[in-house]
Protein backbone atom coordinates (compact mmCIF):
# COMPACT_ATOMS: atom_id res chain seq x y z
CA MET A 1 27.34 14.67 161.45
CA ILE A 2 30.58 16.46 160.62
CA THR A 3 31.64 17.37 157.08
CA ASN A 4 35.38 16.92 156.48
CA THR A 5 37.16 18.61 153.60
CA ALA A 6 40.54 18.44 151.92
CA ALA A 7 41.56 20.96 149.27
CA TYR A 8 44.61 22.66 147.82
CA GLN A 9 45.52 25.08 145.08
CA PHE A 10 48.90 25.92 143.65
CA VAL A 11 48.72 29.59 142.72
CA THR A 12 50.91 32.63 143.30
CA ILE A 13 50.15 34.29 146.65
CA HIS A 14 51.87 37.66 146.91
CA ASP A 15 51.00 38.21 150.59
CA PRO A 16 50.65 34.83 152.33
CA GLN A 17 50.23 36.37 155.79
CA GLN A 18 47.33 38.53 154.68
CA LEU A 19 45.59 35.51 153.17
CA ALA A 20 46.28 33.43 156.27
CA ASP A 21 44.74 36.10 158.48
CA SER A 22 41.62 36.23 156.31
CA VAL A 23 41.30 32.45 156.25
CA LEU A 24 41.64 32.29 160.03
CA LEU A 25 38.99 34.96 160.51
CA HIS A 26 36.43 33.33 158.22
CA ALA A 27 37.11 29.80 159.49
CA GLU A 28 36.67 30.99 163.08
CA GLN A 29 33.42 32.72 162.15
CA GLN A 30 32.11 29.37 160.91
CA SER A 31 33.45 27.45 163.96
CA LEU A 32 35.60 25.22 161.76
CA LYS A 33 38.54 23.19 163.00
CA GLY A 34 41.51 21.76 161.16
CA SER A 35 44.74 22.95 159.61
CA VAL A 36 45.57 25.35 156.80
CA LEU A 37 48.98 26.06 155.29
CA VAL A 38 49.57 29.16 153.19
CA ALA A 39 52.71 29.89 151.17
CA GLU A 40 53.75 31.93 148.18
CA GLU A 41 53.02 28.81 146.08
CA GLY A 42 49.41 28.37 147.23
CA ILE A 43 47.14 27.03 149.96
CA ASN A 44 46.49 23.60 151.50
CA LEU A 45 43.40 23.04 153.65
CA PHE A 46 42.00 20.31 155.90
CA LEU A 47 38.88 21.67 157.57
CA ALA A 48 35.85 20.16 159.29
CA GLY A 49 32.60 21.39 160.76
CA GLU A 50 28.86 21.51 160.24
CA ALA A 51 27.91 21.14 156.59
CA GLU A 52 26.30 24.55 156.16
CA ARG A 53 29.22 26.28 157.86
CA VAL A 54 31.76 24.42 155.73
CA GLY A 55 29.79 25.43 152.66
CA ALA A 56 29.74 29.07 153.72
CA PHE A 57 33.50 29.11 154.22
CA TYR A 58 34.29 27.63 150.82
CA ARG A 59 31.82 29.93 149.08
CA TRP A 60 33.79 32.81 150.56
CA LEU A 61 37.15 31.31 149.60
CA GLN A 62 36.13 30.43 146.06
CA GLY A 63 34.80 33.93 145.59
CA ASP A 64 38.48 34.79 145.20
CA PRO A 65 39.36 34.17 141.51
CA ARG A 66 42.61 32.49 142.55
CA PHE A 67 40.63 29.67 144.15
CA ALA A 68 37.52 29.56 141.97
CA GLN A 69 38.57 26.25 140.35
CA MET A 70 39.75 24.59 143.56
CA ARG A 71 38.62 20.99 143.87
CA ILE A 72 37.27 20.15 147.31
CA LYS A 73 37.06 16.56 148.51
CA TYR A 74 34.37 15.75 151.07
CA SER A 75 33.79 12.98 153.57
CA ARG A 76 31.73 12.66 156.74
CA SER A 77 32.25 11.47 160.28
CA ALA A 78 30.21 11.29 163.46
CA GLN A 79 32.78 13.27 165.43
CA GLN A 80 34.99 16.29 164.81
CA PRO A 81 38.42 14.86 163.85
CA PHE A 82 40.38 18.01 164.75
CA ALA A 83 41.00 19.42 168.22
CA ARG A 84 41.51 23.03 167.12
CA LEU A 85 42.02 25.36 164.18
CA LYS A 86 45.55 26.14 162.97
CA VAL A 87 46.45 28.47 160.11
CA LYS A 88 50.16 28.87 159.37
CA VAL A 89 52.39 30.51 156.79
CA LYS A 90 55.14 28.21 155.50
CA PRO A 91 57.78 28.28 152.74
CA GLU A 92 55.84 25.52 150.92
CA ILE A 93 52.33 24.10 151.33
CA ILE A 94 53.93 20.66 151.12
CA SER A 95 57.62 20.55 151.92
CA PHE A 96 59.76 19.04 149.14
CA ARG A 97 62.69 21.50 148.96
CA ARG A 98 63.17 21.11 145.21
CA ASP A 99 63.27 24.26 143.12
CA ASP A 100 62.78 22.14 140.00
CA ALA A 101 59.35 20.94 141.19
CA SER A 102 57.38 24.18 141.31
CA PRO A 103 53.73 23.72 140.23
CA LEU A 104 53.60 27.46 139.56
CA ARG A 105 55.58 26.78 136.38
CA GLY A 106 53.17 24.15 135.11
CA ARG A 107 51.60 20.79 135.91
CA ALA A 108 52.61 17.29 134.98
CA PRO A 109 50.07 15.42 132.85
CA THR A 110 47.26 13.76 134.80
CA VAL A 111 45.24 10.57 134.55
CA THR A 112 41.67 10.37 135.82
CA PRO A 113 40.54 7.70 138.29
CA ALA A 114 38.31 6.05 135.67
CA VAL A 115 41.14 5.75 133.16
CA LEU A 116 43.57 4.48 135.80
CA ARG A 117 41.07 1.79 136.79
CA GLU A 118 41.01 0.58 133.19
CA TRP A 119 44.79 0.63 132.97
CA MET A 120 45.06 -1.39 136.17
CA ARG A 121 42.61 -3.96 134.81
CA ASN A 122 44.77 -4.35 131.73
CA GLY A 123 48.15 -3.93 133.38
CA ARG A 124 49.07 -1.45 130.64
CA ASP A 125 48.21 2.03 129.47
CA ASP A 126 46.36 2.86 126.26
CA ARG A 127 49.59 2.63 124.25
CA GLY A 128 50.43 -0.81 125.58
CA ARG A 129 53.23 0.37 127.88
CA PRO A 130 53.65 -1.43 131.22
CA LEU A 131 52.06 0.42 134.14
CA VAL A 132 53.81 1.28 137.41
CA LEU A 133 51.96 3.00 140.25
CA LEU A 134 54.35 5.01 142.42
CA ASP A 135 53.25 5.65 146.01
CA THR A 136 54.78 8.96 147.11
CA ARG A 137 53.58 8.66 150.73
CA ASN A 138 55.63 7.62 153.74
CA ALA A 139 55.88 4.14 155.22
CA GLN A 140 53.44 4.87 158.06
CA GLU A 141 50.73 5.77 155.56
CA VAL A 142 51.47 2.88 153.21
CA ALA A 143 51.02 0.41 156.09
CA TYR A 144 47.29 1.15 156.11
CA GLY A 145 46.81 0.46 152.42
CA THR A 146 47.90 1.18 148.86
CA PHE A 147 47.12 0.23 145.28
CA GLN A 148 47.73 -3.41 144.38
CA GLY A 149 51.26 -3.91 143.09
CA ALA A 150 52.29 -0.31 143.74
CA LEU A 151 55.94 0.64 144.07
CA THR A 152 56.34 1.83 147.65
CA LEU A 153 59.44 3.44 149.10
CA PRO A 154 60.96 3.14 152.62
CA ILE A 155 60.69 6.84 153.42
CA ASP A 156 59.59 8.72 156.52
CA LYS A 157 59.35 12.14 154.87
CA PHE A 158 58.40 13.35 151.41
CA THR A 159 61.78 15.05 151.04
CA GLU A 160 63.42 11.60 151.08
CA LEU A 161 61.63 10.47 147.92
CA PRO A 162 64.24 11.51 145.31
CA ALA A 163 67.04 9.54 146.96
CA ALA A 164 64.84 6.50 147.60
CA LEU A 165 63.63 6.43 144.00
CA GLU A 166 67.12 6.41 142.52
CA ALA A 167 67.50 2.64 142.77
CA HIS A 168 64.34 2.12 140.71
CA ARG A 169 65.00 4.48 137.83
CA ALA A 170 66.22 1.86 135.38
CA ALA A 171 63.21 -0.37 136.04
CA LEU A 172 60.84 2.54 135.37
CA ALA A 173 62.41 3.64 132.10
CA ASP A 174 60.12 1.65 129.81
CA ALA A 175 56.92 2.01 131.86
CA THR A 176 54.20 4.59 132.25
CA VAL A 177 54.56 5.79 135.85
CA VAL A 178 51.52 7.12 137.70
CA SER A 179 52.44 8.91 140.93
CA PHE A 180 49.80 9.06 143.64
CA CYS A 181 49.31 10.25 147.20
CA THR A 182 46.41 11.00 149.56
CA GLY A 183 44.81 13.96 147.82
CA GLY A 184 47.07 14.93 144.95
CA ILE A 185 49.42 17.54 146.36
CA ARG A 186 52.53 15.39 146.86
CA CYS A 187 52.19 13.42 143.64
CA GLU A 188 51.85 16.70 141.77
CA LYS A 189 55.25 17.86 143.00
CA ALA A 190 56.79 14.41 142.64
CA ALA A 191 55.70 14.10 139.01
CA LEU A 192 57.12 17.52 138.20
CA TRP A 193 60.44 16.70 139.81
CA MET A 194 60.65 13.37 137.98
CA GLN A 195 60.00 15.11 134.67
CA SER A 196 62.64 17.74 135.35
CA ASP A 197 65.05 14.95 136.27
CA GLY A 198 64.71 13.32 132.87
CA MET A 199 61.73 11.01 133.27
CA ASP A 200 59.20 11.99 130.62
CA ASN A 201 56.91 9.00 131.18
CA VAL A 202 55.30 10.24 134.42
CA LEU A 203 51.67 11.12 135.14
CA GLN A 204 49.90 12.08 138.35
CA LEU A 205 46.62 10.63 139.60
CA GLU A 206 44.04 13.41 139.51
CA GLY A 207 42.63 13.89 143.02
CA GLY A 208 44.88 11.30 144.63
CA ILE A 209 43.60 8.24 146.48
CA LEU A 210 40.66 10.09 147.99
CA GLY A 211 39.60 11.31 144.57
CA TYR A 212 39.87 7.73 143.29
CA PHE A 213 37.68 6.46 146.15
CA GLU A 214 35.15 9.21 145.52
CA GLU A 215 34.87 8.59 141.78
CA VAL A 216 35.32 4.85 141.25
CA GLY A 217 35.49 3.17 144.68
CA GLY A 218 38.14 0.76 145.86
CA GLU A 219 38.80 -1.44 142.84
CA GLY A 220 42.49 -2.25 142.68
CA TYR A 221 43.19 -0.83 146.14
CA ASP A 222 44.02 -2.92 149.22
CA GLY A 223 43.18 -1.54 152.66
CA ARG A 224 42.44 2.03 153.66
CA CYS A 225 43.89 5.47 153.08
CA PHE A 226 45.70 6.99 156.06
CA VAL A 227 44.76 10.56 156.98
CA PHE A 228 46.55 12.86 159.43
CA ASP A 229 43.73 13.41 161.92
CA GLU A 230 41.67 11.50 164.47
CA ARG A 231 39.82 9.53 161.78
CA VAL A 232 43.12 7.68 161.26
CA ALA A 233 42.20 6.20 157.87
CA LEU A 234 39.32 6.06 155.39
CA ASP A 235 38.00 3.03 153.55
CA PRO A 236 37.00 3.21 149.87
CA ALA A 237 33.50 4.33 150.91
CA LEU A 238 35.21 7.25 152.74
CA ARG A 239 34.15 5.89 156.13
CA PRO A 240 36.59 6.62 158.99
CA LEU A 241 38.01 4.15 161.45
CA VAL A 242 36.48 4.45 164.89
CA ASP A 243 38.64 6.06 167.56
CA ASP A 244 39.34 2.87 169.49
CA ALA A 245 40.91 1.37 166.36
CA ARG A 246 43.80 3.81 166.50
CA THR A 247 45.86 1.40 168.57
CA ALA A 248 45.27 -1.50 166.20
CA GLU A 249 48.10 -2.79 164.08
CA PRO A 250 48.13 -1.17 160.63
CA GLY A 251 46.56 -3.48 158.08
CA LYS A 252 44.70 -5.44 160.79
CA VAL A 253 41.73 -3.13 161.27
């Protein structure tokens, strides 16, 4: 059985290449596979391997005070979902190209999965404001599943979100908007950008869809959550699609 992990941390990295080299060394020592992005704004990891080796790697990483509070999301699969290990240095750990959406300057307010579940049941937040769930993922991902009634956008890349959202701004003005994505990294930047652009009614879902699945299950969610590896998508019990389902039509598997 393979242990799969997803984790990220926005934190100032003064020497991204040095950190990337260290991550590569320790991940190779534990025979892990997956992808890691390092930038001056932080680190983003998708790694998989044997449970004890995964644990050893993250114990090393979280021994660094910069990553001590990193939240790691776990799931399991019968097979290794990654073909190799890649560690790269990039300008951003998730490309958005918006200087006004830097998590290093602060976070947007969050809502926990348990609270969001209650809001969805009621259709409103605790103050009685209408609730809108904003899916910040691309159309390929959304095809596999999303929250019931979510606002989805016809985008192929995260950088297209600001332009695509423009047509909906007036409709969102009187609502509480909860941005969400797979694991939290995109909705964190999206919520910050929306706040800086004059929308002060925006929250982000803590832990993203996978965090929601892990904490409260699939209530209020239709389908699966797409992931960018050979597991293809995870159901609310965090079970992957089998490999021969990859050619199935999204939403039909």
